Amino acid sequence: MDDLCLLGFVSLADPVRDSAPPAAAKLRDAGVQTVMITGDHPAAARAVAGQVNGDVAGFTVLTGGEIAELSDEELAETLPDVDVIARCPAQKVRIIQVYQRIGKVVAMTGDSANDAPAIRLADVGIALGRRGTPAARAAATWWSPTIGWRRSSARWSRAGRCGRRCARHSASCWAATSARSRSPCSAPR
């Protein structure tokens, strides 16, 4: 170690797309609760949520460790007010189950093998993008090779509005949605 010489620092950034904040606002306006579930540190997760949603002063951030300490009943009382779940590698399935138990219709997006069980369990499971693993794509109700949250969050906003119509008319509507269709939803308006 004595022979090492510091040459500099490297910084990496994964910026939020410009379309994400307006898309998140449209989902909120439509009454859709969005919860970011991430493996990131709580401070990093809060910062990303702030970039997407603006003011995070009132945001509730829950960690995987905190979830592990809660009973299912306590988690059911907590989840409706949660905005971000951080450091959450193993509780995704439990989170989906508790949301469903309290009567929520759950859509889960993901692109990795560790997302696959939760994607499969969700009412609407969505595998993201071409870089998604075969496990995530196999578990999904819906998969698009061209759509990912970071790639086109505006499409997720349209899909969320579509989902409201679909829930009123037909659960099979989501399966009819495709990346090639002009309309994000085939349900009647």
C-alpha atoms as a PDB file:
ATOM      1  CA  MET A   1       0.000   0.000   0.000  1.00  0.00           C
ATOM      2  CA  ASP A   2       2.913   2.366   0.467  1.00  0.00           C
ATOM      3  CA  ASP A   3       3.580   2.473  -3.274  1.00  0.00           C
ATOM      4  CA  LEU A   4       0.049   3.565  -4.242  1.00  0.00           C
ATOM      5  CA  CYS A   5      -0.539   7.020  -5.615  1.00  0.00           C
ATOM      6  CA  LEU A   6      -3.973   8.676  -5.836  1.00  0.00           C
ATOM      7  CA  LEU A   7      -4.613   9.673  -9.434  1.00  0.00           C
ATOM      8  CA  GLY A   8      -8.139  11.042  -9.056  1.00  0.00           C
ATOM      9  CA  PHE A   9     -11.790  10.274  -8.472  1.00  0.00           C
ATOM     10  CA  VAL A  10     -14.463   8.889 -10.762  1.00  0.00           C
ATOM     11  CA  SER A  11     -18.071   9.858 -10.291  1.00  0.00           C
ATOM     12  CA  LEU A  12     -20.993   8.029 -11.875  1.00  0.00           C
ATOM     13  CA  ALA A  13     -24.518   9.382 -12.202  1.00  0.00           C
ATOM     14  CA  ASP A  14     -27.750   7.739 -13.235  1.00  0.00           C
ATOM     15  CA  PRO A  15     -29.970  10.808 -13.724  1.00  0.00           C
ATOM     16  CA  VAL A  16     -33.737  10.745 -13.616  1.00  0.00           C
ATOM     17  CA  ARG A  17     -35.243  11.249 -17.065  1.00  0.00           C
ATOM     18  CA  ASP A  18     -36.960  14.556 -17.711  1.00  0.00           C
ATOM     19  CA  SER A  19     -40.246  12.759 -18.399  1.00  0.00           C
ATOM     20  CA  ALA A  20     -40.348  11.075 -14.963  1.00  0.00           C
ATOM     21  CA  PRO A  21     -41.570  13.995 -12.791  1.00  0.00           C
ATOM     22  CA  PRO A  22     -44.558  14.913 -14.994  1.00  0.00           C
ATOM     23  CA  ALA A  23     -45.463  11.238 -15.396  1.00  0.00           C
ATOM     24  CA  ALA A  24     -45.369  10.694 -11.625  1.00  0.00           C
ATOM     25  CA  ALA A  25     -47.527  13.803 -11.141  1.00  0.00           C
ATOM     26  CA  LYS A  26     -50.105  12.494 -13.616  1.00  0.00           C
ATOM     27  CA  LEU A  27     -50.219   9.155 -11.796  1.00  0.00           C
ATOM     28  CA  ARG A  28     -50.720  10.926  -8.452  1.00  0.00           C
ATOM     29  CA  ASP A  29     -53.445  13.097  -9.996  1.00  0.00           C
ATOM     30  CA  ALA A  30     -55.158   9.920 -11.215  1.00  0.00           C
ATOM     31  CA  GLY A  31     -55.145   8.582  -7.652  1.00  0.00           C
ATOM     32  CA  VAL A  32     -52.401   6.009  -8.186  1.00  0.00           C
ATOM     33  CA  GLN A  33     -50.108   5.505  -5.210  1.00  0.00           C
ATOM     34  CA  THR A  34     -46.590   4.916  -6.446  1.00  0.00           C
ATOM     35  CA  VAL A  35     -44.044   3.363  -4.128  1.00  0.00           C
ATOM     36  CA  MET A  36     -40.407   3.093  -5.092  1.00  0.00           C
ATOM     37  CA  ILE A  37     -38.878  -0.178  -3.878  1.00  0.00           C
ATOM     38  CA  THR A  38     -35.109  -0.175  -4.194  1.00  0.00           C
ATOM     39  CA  GLY A  39     -31.954  -1.746  -2.907  1.00  0.00           C
ATOM     40  CA  ASP A  40     -30.402   1.717  -2.602  1.00  0.00           C
ATOM     41  CA  HIS A  41     -29.449   3.368   0.672  1.00  0.00           C
ATOM     42  CA  PRO A  42     -32.398   5.293   2.188  1.00  0.00           C
ATOM     43  CA  ALA A  43     -30.681   8.664   1.609  1.00  0.00           C
ATOM     44  CA  ALA A  44     -30.056   7.851  -2.068  1.00  0.00           C
ATOM     45  CA  ALA A  45     -33.617   6.567  -2.460  1.00  0.00           C
ATOM     46  CA  ARG A  46     -35.032   9.736  -0.880  1.00  0.00           C
ATOM     47  CA  ALA A  47     -32.895  11.868  -3.220  1.00  0.00           C
ATOM     48  CA  VAL A  48     -34.183  10.041  -6.309  1.00  0.00           C
ATOM     49  CA  ALA A  49     -37.756  10.304  -5.025  1.00  0.00           C
ATOM     50  CA  GLY A  50     -37.159  14.024  -4.555  1.00  0.00           C
ATOM     51  CA  GLN A  51     -36.025  14.395  -8.142  1.00  0.00           C
ATOM     52  CA  VAL A  52     -39.126  12.572  -9.361  1.00  0.00           C
ATOM     53  CA  ASN A  53     -41.735  13.933  -6.954  1.00  0.00           C
ATOM     54  CA  GLY A  54     -40.385  17.308  -5.871  1.00  0.00           C
ATOM     55  CA  ASP A  55     -40.679  18.004  -2.154  1.00  0.00           C
ATOM     56  CA  VAL A  56     -39.957  14.892  -0.085  1.00  0.00           C
ATOM     57  CA  ALA A  57     -40.314  16.548   3.312  1.00  0.00           C
ATOM     58  CA  GLY A  58     -43.463  14.556   4.034  1.00  0.00           C
ATOM     59  CA  PHE A  59     -42.253  11.347   2.427  1.00  0.00           C
ATOM     60  CA  THR A  60     -42.165   8.179   4.470  1.00  0.00           C
ATOM     61  CA  VAL A  61     -39.117   6.013   3.821  1.00  0.00           C
ATOM     62  CA  LEU A  62     -39.147   2.476   5.169  1.00  0.00           C
ATOM     63  CA  THR A  63     -36.202   0.074   5.056  1.00  0.00           C
ATOM     64  CA  GLY A  64     -36.139  -3.650   4.548  1.00  0.00           C
ATOM     65  CA  GLY A  65     -34.797  -4.038   8.086  1.00  0.00           C
ATOM     66  CA  GLU A  66     -37.732  -2.106   9.501  1.00  0.00           C
ATOM     67  CA  ILE A  67     -40.164  -4.197   7.465  1.00  0.00           C
ATOM     68  CA  ALA A  68     -38.594  -7.384   8.812  1.00  0.00           C
ATOM     69  CA  GLU A  69     -39.382  -6.234  12.361  1.00  0.00           C
ATOM     70  CA  LEU A  70     -43.066  -5.527  11.613  1.00  0.00           C
ATOM     71  CA  SER A  71     -45.877  -8.068  11.835  1.00  0.00           C
ATOM     72  CA  ASP A  72     -48.128  -8.354   8.781  1.00  0.00           C
ATOM     73  CA  GLU A  73     -50.812  -6.367  10.638  1.00  0.00           C
ATOM     74  CA  GLU A  74     -48.364  -3.573  11.476  1.00  0.00           C
ATOM     75  CA  LEU A  75     -47.084  -3.563   7.902  1.00  0.00           C
ATOM     76  CA  ALA A  76     -50.662  -3.340   6.596  1.00  0.00           C
ATOM     77  CA  GLU A  77     -51.197  -0.245   8.745  1.00  0.00           C
ATOM     78  CA  THR A  78     -47.896   1.311   7.603  1.00  0.00           C
ATOM     79  CA  LEU A  79     -47.839   0.646   3.841  1.00  0.00           C
ATOM     80  CA  PRO A  80     -50.625   3.030   2.763  1.00  0.00           C
ATOM     81  CA  ASP A  81     -48.461   5.954   3.922  1.00  0.00           C
ATOM     82  CA  VAL A  82     -45.111   4.726   2.563  1.00  0.00           C
ATOM     83  CA  ASP A  83     -43.526   6.424  -0.449  1.00  0.00           C
ATOM     84  CA  VAL A  84     -40.115   4.737  -0.605  1.00  0.00           C
ATOM     85  CA  ILE A  85     -38.896   1.333   0.537  1.00  0.00           C
ATOM     86  CA  ALA A  86     -35.095   1.168   0.614  1.00  0.00           C
ATOM     87  CA  ARG A  87     -32.541  -1.582   1.238  1.00  0.00           C
ATOM     88  CA  CYS A  88     -35.230  -4.084   0.404  1.00  0.00           C
ATOM     89  CA  PRO A  89     -33.747  -7.159  -1.235  1.00  0.00           C
ATOM     90  CA  ALA A  90     -35.957  -9.862   0.207  1.00  0.00           C
ATOM     91  CA  GLN A  91     -39.349  -8.450   1.221  1.00  0.00           C
ATOM     92  CA  LYS A  92     -40.872  -7.649  -2.173  1.00  0.00           C
ATOM     93  CA  VAL A  93     -43.204 -10.673  -2.161  1.00  0.00           C
ATOM     94  CA  ARG A  94     -44.369  -9.896   1.359  1.00  0.00           C
ATOM     95  CA  ILE A  95     -45.000  -6.267   0.420  1.00  0.00           C
ATOM     96  CA  ILE A  96     -47.121  -7.317  -2.584  1.00  0.00           C
ATOM     97  CA  GLN A  97     -49.072  -9.799  -0.447  1.00  0.00           C
ATOM     98  CA  VAL A  98     -49.810  -7.228   2.252  1.00  0.00           C
ATOM     99  CA  TYR A  99     -50.923  -4.605  -0.287  1.00  0.00           C
ATOM    100  CA  GLN A 100     -53.278  -7.188  -1.807  1.00  0.00           C
ATOM    101  CA  ARG A 101     -54.534  -8.224   1.630  1.00  0.00           C
ATOM    102  CA  ILE A 102     -55.580  -4.605   2.328  1.00  0.00           C
ATOM    103  CA  GLY A 103     -57.473  -4.481  -0.953  1.00  0.00           C
ATOM    104  CA  LYS A 104     -54.999  -2.743  -3.251  1.00  0.00           C
ATOM    105  CA  VAL A 105     -54.605  -3.673  -6.902  1.00  0.00           C
ATOM    106  CA  VAL A 106     -50.854  -3.992  -7.308  1.00  0.00           C
ATOM    107  CA  ALA A 107     -48.665  -3.496 -10.349  1.00  0.00           C
ATOM    108  CA  MET A 108     -45.021  -4.463  -9.917  1.00  0.00           C
ATOM    109  CA  THR A 109     -42.298  -3.481 -12.335  1.00  0.00           C
ATOM    110  CA  GLY A 110     -38.826  -4.932 -12.420  1.00  0.00           C
ATOM    111  CA  ASP A 111     -36.083  -6.271 -14.618  1.00  0.00           C
ATOM    112  CA  SER A 112     -34.076  -8.716 -12.532  1.00  0.00           C
ATOM    113  CA  ALA A 113     -34.376 -12.297 -11.384  1.00  0.00           C
ATOM    114  CA  ASN A 114     -34.897 -11.197  -7.785  1.00  0.00           C
ATOM    115  CA  ASP A 115     -37.951  -9.180  -8.944  1.00  0.00           C
ATOM    116  CA  ALA A 116     -39.547 -12.202 -10.657  1.00  0.00           C
ATOM    117  CA  PRO A 117     -41.473 -13.665  -7.670  1.00  0.00           C
ATOM    118  CA  ALA A 118     -43.069 -10.283  -6.881  1.00  0.00           C
ATOM    119  CA  ILE A 119     -43.770  -9.616 -10.567  1.00  0.00           C
ATOM    120  CA  ARG A 120     -45.526 -12.992 -10.788  1.00  0.00           C
ATOM    121  CA  LEU A 121     -47.572 -12.389  -7.635  1.00  0.00           C
ATOM    122  CA  ALA A 122     -48.715  -8.853  -8.530  1.00  0.00           C
ATOM    123  CA  ASP A 123     -52.093  -8.285 -10.125  1.00  0.00           C
ATOM    124  CA  VAL A 124     -50.200  -6.762 -13.041  1.00  0.00           C
ATOM    125  CA  GLY A 125     -46.581  -7.851 -13.398  1.00  0.00           C
ATOM    126  CA  ILE A 126     -44.479  -5.785 -15.764  1.00  0.00           C
ATOM    127  CA  ALA A 127     -40.984  -6.712 -16.953  1.00  0.00           C
ATOM    128  CA  LEU A 128     -38.962  -3.720 -18.083  1.00  0.00           C
ATOM    129  CA  GLY A 129     -36.858  -3.328 -21.167  1.00  0.00           C
ATOM    130  CA  ARG A 130     -34.533  -5.450 -23.222  1.00  0.00           C
ATOM    131  CA  ARG A 131     -32.026  -5.724 -20.417  1.00  0.00           C
ATOM    132  CA  GLY A 132     -34.568  -7.498 -18.229  1.00  0.00           C
ATOM    133  CA  THR A 133     -33.709 -11.044 -17.287  1.00  0.00           C
ATOM    134  CA  PRO A 134     -35.530 -14.021 -18.786  1.00  0.00           C
ATOM    135  CA  ALA A 135     -36.866 -14.775 -15.274  1.00  0.00           C
ATOM    136  CA  ALA A 136     -38.501 -11.336 -15.033  1.00  0.00           C
ATOM    137  CA  ARG A 137     -39.964 -11.616 -18.532  1.00  0.00           C
ATOM    138  CA  ALA A 138     -41.313 -15.115 -17.844  1.00  0.00           C
ATOM    139  CA  ALA A 139     -42.970 -13.952 -14.607  1.00  0.00           C
ATOM    140  CA  ALA A 140     -44.588 -10.889 -16.155  1.00  0.00           C
ATOM    141  CA  THR A 141     -48.154 -10.380 -17.253  1.00  0.00           C
ATOM    142  CA  TRP A 142     -46.843  -7.772 -19.651  1.00  0.00           C
ATOM    143  CA  TRP A 143     -43.420  -7.139 -21.149  1.00  0.00           C
ATOM    144  CA  SER A 144     -42.199  -4.575 -23.584  1.00  0.00           C
ATOM    145  CA  PRO A 145     -38.732  -4.657 -25.103  1.00  0.00           C
ATOM    146  CA  THR A 146     -38.784  -0.872 -25.487  1.00  0.00           C
ATOM    147  CA  ILE A 147     -40.266   0.397 -22.237  1.00  0.00           C
ATOM    148  CA  GLY A 148     -38.539   0.954 -18.940  1.00  0.00           C
ATOM    149  CA  TRP A 149     -39.246   3.522 -16.229  1.00  0.00           C
ATOM    150  CA  ARG A 150     -36.050   5.384 -16.966  1.00  0.00           C
ATOM    151  CA  ARG A 151     -36.528   5.063 -20.707  1.00  0.00           C
ATOM    152  CA  SER A 152     -40.130   6.237 -20.986  1.00  0.00           C
ATOM    153  CA  SER A 153     -41.882   7.175 -17.782  1.00  0.00           C
ATOM    154  CA  ALA A 154     -44.461   9.136 -19.791  1.00  0.00           C
ATOM    155  CA  ARG A 155     -45.691   5.809 -21.162  1.00  0.00           C
ATOM    156  CA  TRP A 156     -46.125   4.548 -17.597  1.00  0.00           C
ATOM    157  CA  SER A 157     -48.278   7.573 -16.873  1.00  0.00           C
ATOM    158  CA  ARG A 158     -50.482   6.748 -19.859  1.00  0.00           C
ATOM    159  CA  ALA A 159     -50.543   3.098 -18.775  1.00  0.00           C
ATOM    160  CA  GLY A 160     -51.588   4.130 -15.266  1.00  0.00           C
ATOM    161  CA  ARG A 161     -54.504   6.141 -16.611  1.00  0.00           C
ATOM    162  CA  CYS A 162     -55.315   3.229 -18.885  1.00  0.00           C
ATOM    163  CA  GLY A 163     -55.171   0.917 -15.885  1.00  0.00           C
ATOM    164  CA  ARG A 164     -57.903   2.909 -14.163  1.00  0.00           C
ATOM    165  CA  ARG A 165     -60.154   2.422 -17.186  1.00  0.00           C
ATOM    166  CA  CYS A 166     -59.144  -1.219 -17.483  1.00  0.00           C
ATOM    167  CA  ALA A 167     -59.970  -1.911 -13.852  1.00  0.00           C
ATOM    168  CA  ARG A 168     -63.467  -0.590 -14.482  1.00  0.00           C
ATOM    169  CA  HIS A 169     -63.980  -2.560 -17.689  1.00  0.00           C
ATOM    170  CA  SER A 170     -61.760  -5.611 -17.972  1.00  0.00           C
ATOM    171  CA  ALA A 171     -58.694  -7.025 -16.288  1.00  0.00           C
ATOM    172  CA  SER A 172     -57.637  -8.551 -19.603  1.00  0.00           C
ATOM    173  CA  CYS A 173     -57.129  -5.088 -21.074  1.00  0.00           C
ATOM    174  CA  TRP A 174     -53.541  -4.999 -19.800  1.00  0.00           C
ATOM    175  CA  ALA A 175     -52.692  -8.059 -21.845  1.00  0.00           C
ATOM    176  CA  ALA A 176     -53.976  -6.269 -24.938  1.00  0.00           C
ATOM    177  CA  THR A 177     -51.615  -3.343 -24.431  1.00  0.00           C
ATOM    178  CA  SER A 178     -48.512  -3.559 -26.545  1.00  0.00           C
ATOM    179  CA  ALA A 179     -45.535  -1.400 -27.380  1.00  0.00           C
ATOM    180  CA  ARG A 180     -46.720  -1.299 -31.011  1.00  0.00           C
ATOM    181  CA  SER A 181     -50.275  -0.099 -30.328  1.00  0.00           C
ATOM    182  CA  ARG A 182     -51.061   3.565 -30.878  1.00  0.00           C
ATOM    183  CA  SER A 183     -53.320   3.736 -27.833  1.00  0.00           C
ATOM    184  CA  PRO A 184     -52.008   2.679 -24.433  1.00  0.00           C
ATOM    185  CA  CYS A 185     -55.307   0.941 -23.741  1.00  0.00           C
ATOM    186  CA  SER A 186     -58.056  -0.736 -25.671  1.00  0.00           C
ATOM    187  CA  ALA A 187     -60.671  -0.292 -22.930  1.00  0.00           C
ATOM    188  CA  PRO A 188     -63.663   1.936 -23.621  1.00  0.00           C
ATOM    189  CA  ARG A 189     -63.222   5.521 -22.414  1.00  0.00           C
END
